[in-house]
Amino acid sequence: MPRKKQEPVGTDVARNIGGLLRGLRRSAGYRAVRDAAAIPGCPAAQQTIYAYERGGLVPSLKQFMELVEFYALQTEGVPEDIRYQAVAALIAALSTPAYHIPEVLDLINRLQPAPAAGRRRRKR
C-alpha cells in the first residue's frame, strides 16, 4: 500500500506550536533566535527555528522534542521551572492535530475489546 501524503497542518496549529517553542527559547534566556542557533549542539539552524516560531513550518515530532530538550536541559543556567514549561509544551503539542496523537488514542480506544460479560458478585 503506498503511503498517503500527510494532510497540511492548519496555520493556527502551526502558530501555536511555534509559540510554544518561542516561549521555551525565551525562558531559556535566548532573546533572539540567532543566540540559540549559535550555541554548539543546537539541533536546528537559525532560519529553521525562525520558520517554526512564525508558523511557516511545523517541526517533526522528533525535531520538536530535540528543541525542547535543548532549551530545557542542555542550556546552562536555566531555572529549574523551565522543565515544567517544557513538559507543558510537549503535552500541548501532542494534543494538536499536527502529530496525530489524538487520532492514535482514538484508534487505541476503538481497538480495545469490550469488557467480557461475566457474573457479578453480590454486595454483602
N, C-alpha and C. Protein backbone atom coordinates (compact mmCIF):
# COMPACT_ATOMS: atom_id res chain seq x y z
N MET A 1 0.85 -1.16 0.00
CA MET A 1 0.00 0.00 0.00
C MET A 1 0.90 1.24 0.00
N PRO A 2 0.68 2.17 -0.91
CA PRO A 2 1.51 3.37 -0.93
C PRO A 2 1.18 4.28 0.25
N ARG A 3 2.20 5.01 0.65
CA ARG A 3 1.99 5.95 1.76
C ARG A 3 1.15 7.12 1.30
N LYS A 4 0.30 7.57 2.19
CA LYS A 4 -0.51 8.74 1.89
C LYS A 4 0.28 9.99 2.28
N LYS A 5 0.08 11.03 1.51
CA LYS A 5 0.69 12.31 1.87
C LYS A 5 -0.06 12.86 3.08
N GLN A 6 0.70 13.37 4.05
CA GLN A 6 0.08 13.91 5.26
C GLN A 6 -0.76 15.15 4.92
N GLU A 7 -1.85 15.28 5.61
CA GLU A 7 -2.68 16.47 5.45
C GLU A 7 -1.92 17.67 5.98
N PRO A 8 -2.07 18.82 5.34
CA PRO A 8 -1.37 20.00 5.85
C PRO A 8 -1.92 20.41 7.22
N VAL A 9 -1.04 20.94 8.02
CA VAL A 9 -1.40 21.40 9.35
C VAL A 9 -1.95 22.82 9.22
N GLY A 10 -3.02 23.10 9.91
CA GLY A 10 -3.62 24.43 9.85
C GLY A 10 -2.68 25.51 10.38
N THR A 11 -2.83 26.72 9.88
CA THR A 11 -1.94 27.81 10.28
C THR A 11 -2.06 28.12 11.77
N ASP A 12 -3.26 27.98 12.33
CA ASP A 12 -3.41 28.25 13.75
C ASP A 12 -2.65 27.22 14.59
N VAL A 13 -2.66 25.96 14.17
CA VAL A 13 -1.92 24.92 14.87
C VAL A 13 -0.42 25.16 14.73
N ALA A 14 0.02 25.51 13.53
CA ALA A 14 1.45 25.77 13.29
C ALA A 14 1.93 26.95 14.14
N ARG A 15 1.11 27.99 14.22
CA ARG A 15 1.50 29.15 15.04
C ARG A 15 1.52 28.80 16.54
N ASN A 16 0.59 27.96 16.95
CA ASN A 16 0.55 27.52 18.35
C ASN A 16 1.82 26.76 18.70
N ILE A 17 2.22 25.83 17.84
CA ILE A 17 3.45 25.06 18.08
C ILE A 17 4.66 26.00 18.07
N GLY A 18 4.68 26.94 17.14
CA GLY A 18 5.77 27.93 17.10
C GLY A 18 5.82 28.78 18.35
N GLY A 19 4.65 29.13 18.87
CA GLY A 19 4.60 29.92 20.11
C GLY A 19 5.14 29.15 21.30
N LEU A 20 4.88 27.85 21.32
CA LEU A 20 5.43 27.01 22.40
C LEU A 20 6.96 27.03 22.35
N LEU A 21 7.51 26.88 21.15
CA LEU A 21 8.97 26.90 21.01
C LEU A 21 9.55 28.27 21.34
N ARG A 22 8.88 29.33 20.91
CA ARG A 22 9.35 30.68 21.21
C ARG A 22 9.38 30.94 22.71
N GLY A 23 8.32 30.51 23.39
CA GLY A 23 8.27 30.69 24.83
C GLY A 23 9.38 29.95 25.55
N LEU A 24 9.67 28.74 25.12
CA LEU A 24 10.76 27.97 25.73
C LEU A 24 12.11 28.63 25.46
N ARG A 25 12.30 29.09 24.23
CA ARG A 25 13.56 29.75 23.89
C ARG A 25 13.79 30.97 24.78
N ARG A 26 12.77 31.76 24.92
CA ARG A 26 12.90 32.98 25.74
C ARG A 26 13.10 32.63 27.21
N SER A 27 12.40 31.62 27.70
CA SER A 27 12.57 31.20 29.09
C SER A 27 13.96 30.65 29.34
N ALA A 28 14.57 30.07 28.30
CA ALA A 28 15.93 29.54 28.43
C ALA A 28 16.98 30.66 28.40
N GLY A 29 16.54 31.88 28.16
CA GLY A 29 17.45 33.02 28.19
C GLY A 29 17.96 33.48 26.84
N TYR A 30 17.42 32.93 25.77
CA TYR A 30 17.83 33.35 24.43
C TYR A 30 16.83 34.40 23.94
N ARG A 31 17.28 35.65 23.93
CA ARG A 31 16.37 36.72 23.48
C ARG A 31 16.11 36.64 22.00
N ALA A 32 17.13 36.24 21.24
CA ALA A 32 16.99 36.16 19.78
C ALA A 32 17.26 34.74 19.32
N VAL A 33 16.67 34.38 18.20
CA VAL A 33 16.87 33.05 17.63
C VAL A 33 18.34 32.85 17.31
N ARG A 34 19.00 33.89 16.82
CA ARG A 34 20.42 33.74 16.45
C ARG A 34 21.29 33.37 17.66
N ASP A 35 20.90 33.81 18.85
CA ASP A 35 21.65 33.46 20.06
C ASP A 35 21.56 31.97 20.34
N ALA A 36 20.38 31.41 20.19
CA ALA A 36 20.20 29.97 20.42
C ALA A 36 20.89 29.16 19.33
N ALA A 37 20.73 29.58 18.09
CA ALA A 37 21.31 28.83 16.97
C ALA A 37 22.83 28.86 16.98
N ALA A 38 23.42 29.86 17.62
CA ALA A 38 24.88 29.98 17.66
C ALA A 38 25.52 29.04 18.69
N ILE A 39 24.72 28.46 19.57
CA ILE A 39 25.25 27.57 20.60
C ILE A 39 25.57 26.22 19.97
N PRO A 40 26.78 25.69 20.21
CA PRO A 40 27.08 24.34 19.69
C PRO A 40 26.09 23.32 20.27
N GLY A 41 25.61 22.47 19.42
CA GLY A 41 24.65 21.47 19.86
C GLY A 41 23.20 21.86 19.62
N CYS A 42 22.97 23.08 19.14
CA CYS A 42 21.59 23.47 18.82
C CYS A 42 21.11 22.58 17.68
N PRO A 43 19.96 21.94 17.84
CA PRO A 43 19.52 20.95 16.86
C PRO A 43 18.92 21.50 15.57
N ALA A 44 18.87 22.81 15.40
CA ALA A 44 18.29 23.38 14.18
C ALA A 44 19.02 24.66 13.80
N ALA A 45 18.98 24.96 12.53
CA ALA A 45 19.59 26.19 12.02
C ALA A 45 18.71 27.39 12.35
N GLN A 46 19.31 28.56 12.32
CA GLN A 46 18.61 29.79 12.66
C GLN A 46 17.36 29.98 11.80
N GLN A 47 17.48 29.81 10.49
CA GLN A 47 16.32 30.01 9.60
C GLN A 47 15.21 29.00 9.87
N THR A 48 15.60 27.80 10.22
CA THR A 48 14.61 26.77 10.53
C THR A 48 13.84 27.12 11.80
N ILE A 49 14.56 27.57 12.82
CA ILE A 49 13.90 27.96 14.07
C ILE A 49 12.96 29.13 13.82
N TYR A 50 13.41 30.12 13.02
CA TYR A 50 12.53 31.23 12.66
C TYR A 50 11.25 30.72 12.00
N ALA A 51 11.41 29.80 11.05
CA ALA A 51 10.24 29.29 10.33
C ALA A 51 9.29 28.55 11.28
N TYR A 52 9.84 27.78 12.22
CA TYR A 52 9.00 27.09 13.20
C TYR A 52 8.25 28.10 14.06
N GLU A 53 8.96 29.07 14.58
CA GLU A 53 8.35 30.03 15.51
C GLU A 53 7.30 30.91 14.84
N ARG A 54 7.47 31.21 13.56
CA ARG A 54 6.49 32.02 12.84
C ARG A 54 5.28 31.20 12.41
N GLY A 55 5.42 29.87 12.42
CA GLY A 55 4.33 29.02 11.97
C GLY A 55 4.40 28.71 10.49
N GLY A 56 5.52 29.06 9.85
CA GLY A 56 5.69 28.77 8.43
C GLY A 56 5.98 27.30 8.18
N LEU A 57 6.62 26.66 9.13
CA LEU A 57 6.92 25.23 9.08
C LEU A 57 6.51 24.61 10.40
N VAL A 58 6.13 23.35 10.34
CA VAL A 58 5.83 22.60 11.56
C VAL A 58 6.95 21.57 11.73
N PRO A 59 7.64 21.61 12.86
CA PRO A 59 8.70 20.62 13.04
C PRO A 59 8.14 19.22 13.16
N SER A 60 8.96 18.25 12.77
CA SER A 60 8.56 16.87 13.03
C SER A 60 8.52 16.70 14.55
N LEU A 61 7.88 15.66 15.00
CA LEU A 61 7.83 15.42 16.44
C LEU A 61 9.23 15.27 17.02
N LYS A 62 10.10 14.57 16.29
CA LYS A 62 11.48 14.40 16.75
C LYS A 62 12.19 15.74 16.85
N GLN A 63 12.04 16.59 15.84
CA GLN A 63 12.68 17.91 15.86
C GLN A 63 12.13 18.76 17.00
N PHE A 64 10.82 18.71 17.22
CA PHE A 64 10.21 19.46 18.31
C PHE A 64 10.81 19.02 19.65
N MET A 65 10.91 17.69 19.82
CA MET A 65 11.46 17.16 21.07
C MET A 65 12.93 17.56 21.25
N GLU A 66 13.69 17.55 20.17
CA GLU A 66 15.11 17.94 20.27
C GLU A 66 15.26 19.40 20.67
N LEU A 67 14.42 20.27 20.13
CA LEU A 67 14.48 21.69 20.52
C LEU A 67 14.04 21.89 21.97
N VAL A 68 13.00 21.20 22.38
CA VAL A 68 12.55 21.29 23.78
C VAL A 68 13.67 20.83 24.71
N GLU A 69 14.29 19.71 24.38
CA GLU A 69 15.38 19.20 25.20
C GLU A 69 16.56 20.18 25.23
N PHE A 70 16.88 20.75 24.10
CA PHE A 70 17.98 21.71 24.03
C PHE A 70 17.70 22.91 24.94
N TYR A 71 16.51 23.48 24.83
CA TYR A 71 16.18 24.66 25.64
C TYR A 71 16.10 24.33 27.13
N ALA A 72 15.51 23.20 27.47
CA ALA A 72 15.24 22.90 28.88
C ALA A 72 16.36 22.17 29.59
N LEU A 73 17.13 21.36 28.89
CA LEU A 73 18.12 20.53 29.58
C LEU A 73 19.56 20.83 29.20
N GLN A 74 19.79 21.33 28.00
CA GLN A 74 21.16 21.50 27.55
C GLN A 74 21.66 22.93 27.61
N THR A 75 20.84 23.83 28.10
CA THR A 75 21.23 25.22 28.23
C THR A 75 21.68 25.46 29.66
N GLU A 76 22.87 26.02 29.81
CA GLU A 76 23.41 26.27 31.16
C GLU A 76 22.70 27.44 31.82
N GLY A 77 22.52 27.31 33.13
CA GLY A 77 21.96 28.40 33.92
C GLY A 77 20.46 28.59 33.77
N VAL A 78 19.78 27.63 33.22
CA VAL A 78 18.33 27.74 33.05
C VAL A 78 17.65 27.45 34.37
N PRO A 79 16.66 28.25 34.76
CA PRO A 79 15.93 27.96 36.00
C PRO A 79 15.24 26.60 35.93
N GLU A 80 15.13 25.95 37.07
CA GLU A 80 14.53 24.62 37.14
C GLU A 80 13.09 24.60 36.63
N ASP A 81 12.35 25.69 36.80
CA ASP A 81 10.94 25.67 36.41
C ASP A 81 10.73 25.60 34.90
N ILE A 82 11.79 25.78 34.11
CA ILE A 82 11.62 25.63 32.67
C ILE A 82 11.28 24.19 32.31
N ARG A 83 11.66 23.26 33.18
CA ARG A 83 11.32 21.85 32.91
C ARG A 83 9.80 21.66 32.92
N TYR A 84 9.12 22.35 33.82
CA TYR A 84 7.66 22.27 33.86
C TYR A 84 7.07 22.88 32.58
N GLN A 85 7.63 23.98 32.16
CA GLN A 85 7.17 24.61 30.93
C GLN A 85 7.43 23.69 29.74
N ALA A 86 8.55 22.99 29.74
CA ALA A 86 8.87 22.06 28.66
C ALA A 86 7.88 20.90 28.62
N VAL A 87 7.53 20.37 29.78
CA VAL A 87 6.54 19.29 29.85
C VAL A 87 5.20 19.79 29.33
N ALA A 88 4.81 20.97 29.74
CA ALA A 88 3.54 21.55 29.29
C ALA A 88 3.56 21.76 27.78
N ALA A 89 4.69 22.20 27.23
CA ALA A 89 4.80 22.40 25.78
C ALA A 89 4.68 21.07 25.04
N LEU A 90 5.30 20.03 25.56
CA LEU A 90 5.20 18.72 24.93
C LEU A 90 3.76 18.21 24.94
N ILE A 91 3.10 18.34 26.07
CA ILE A 91 1.70 17.89 26.17
C ILE A 91 0.81 18.70 25.24
N ALA A 92 1.02 20.00 25.22
CA ALA A 92 0.20 20.85 24.34
C ALA A 92 0.42 20.50 22.87
N ALA A 93 1.67 20.26 22.48
CA ALA A 93 1.96 19.92 21.08
C ALA A 93 1.37 18.57 20.71
N LEU A 94 1.48 17.61 21.63
CA LEU A 94 0.96 16.27 21.34
C LEU A 94 -0.56 16.25 21.23
N SER A 95 -1.22 17.20 21.85
CA SER A 95 -2.68 17.22 21.77
C SER A 95 -3.19 17.99 20.56
N THR A 96 -2.29 18.52 19.73
CA THR A 96 -2.72 19.18 18.50
C THR A 96 -2.86 18.14 17.39
N PRO A 97 -3.57 18.47 16.34
CA PRO A 97 -3.69 17.52 15.23
C PRO A 97 -2.39 17.37 14.43
N ALA A 98 -1.40 18.18 14.67
CA ALA A 98 -0.16 18.13 13.90
C ALA A 98 0.56 16.80 14.03
N TYR A 99 0.51 16.20 15.21
CA TYR A 99 1.26 14.97 15.45
C TYR A 99 0.36 13.74 15.53
N HIS A 100 -0.93 13.90 15.29
CA HIS A 100 -1.89 12.81 15.18
C HIS A 100 -2.03 11.95 16.44
N ILE A 101 -1.55 12.41 17.57
CA ILE A 101 -1.67 11.64 18.80
C ILE A 101 -3.14 11.47 19.21
N PRO A 102 -3.98 12.51 19.11
CA PRO A 102 -5.39 12.28 19.45
C PRO A 102 -6.02 11.19 18.58
N GLU A 103 -5.64 11.14 17.31
CA GLU A 103 -6.16 10.10 16.42
C GLU A 103 -5.66 8.72 16.85
N VAL A 104 -4.41 8.65 17.27
CA VAL A 104 -3.85 7.38 17.73
C VAL A 104 -4.60 6.90 18.97
N LEU A 105 -4.84 7.80 19.92
CA LEU A 105 -5.56 7.42 21.13
C LEU A 105 -6.98 6.97 20.82
N ASP A 106 -7.61 7.63 19.86
CA ASP A 106 -8.96 7.23 19.45
C ASP A 106 -8.93 5.82 18.85
N LEU A 107 -7.94 5.55 18.00
CA LEU A 107 -7.82 4.22 17.41
C LEU A 107 -7.56 3.16 18.49
N ILE A 108 -6.70 3.47 19.44
CA ILE A 108 -6.44 2.54 20.54
C ILE A 108 -7.73 2.22 21.28
N ASN A 109 -8.53 3.23 21.57
CA ASN A 109 -9.81 3.00 22.26
C ASN A 109 -10.75 2.13 21.43
N ARG A 110 -10.77 2.35 20.11
CA ARG A 110 -11.64 1.55 19.26
C ARG A 110 -11.15 0.11 19.12
N LEU A 111 -9.84 -0.10 19.26
CA LEU A 111 -9.27 -1.44 19.15
C LEU A 111 -9.47 -2.28 20.41
N GLN A 112 -9.73 -1.64 21.52
CA GLN A 112 -9.89 -2.36 22.78
C GLN A 112 -11.15 -3.20 22.73
N PRO A 113 -11.06 -4.45 23.16
CA PRO A 113 -12.27 -5.28 23.17
C PRO A 113 -13.24 -4.80 24.25
N ALA A 114 -14.48 -5.09 24.01
CA ALA A 114 -15.49 -4.74 25.01
C ALA A 114 -15.27 -5.61 26.24
N PRO A 115 -15.57 -5.11 27.42
CA PRO A 115 -15.41 -5.92 28.62
C PRO A 115 -16.26 -7.19 28.52
N ALA A 116 -15.68 -8.26 28.98
CA ALA A 116 -16.39 -9.55 28.94
C ALA A 116 -17.56 -9.52 29.92
N ALA A 117 -18.67 -10.05 29.46
CA ALA A 117 -19.84 -10.15 30.35
C ALA A 117 -19.59 -11.32 31.28
N GLY A 118 -19.71 -11.09 32.51
CA GLY A 118 -19.46 -12.16 33.47
C GLY A 118 -20.39 -12.04 34.65
N ARG A 119 -20.19 -12.93 35.56
CA ARG A 119 -21.01 -12.89 36.77
C ARG A 119 -20.54 -11.76 37.65
N ARG A 120 -21.47 -11.13 38.26
CA ARG A 120 -21.14 -10.08 39.22
C ARG A 120 -21.33 -10.63 40.61
N ARG A 121 -20.47 -10.21 41.45
CA ARG A 121 -20.62 -10.63 42.85
C ARG A 121 -21.63 -9.72 43.53
N ARG A 122 -22.40 -10.34 44.38
CA ARG A 122 -23.37 -9.54 45.12
C ARG A 122 -22.67 -8.86 46.27
N LYS A 123 -23.09 -7.66 46.57
CA LYS A 123 -22.54 -6.95 47.72
C LYS A 123 -23.14 -7.53 48.98
N ARG A 124 -22.35 -7.62 49.98
CA ARG A 124 -22.85 -8.16 51.26
C ARG A 124 -23.14 -7.07 52.22
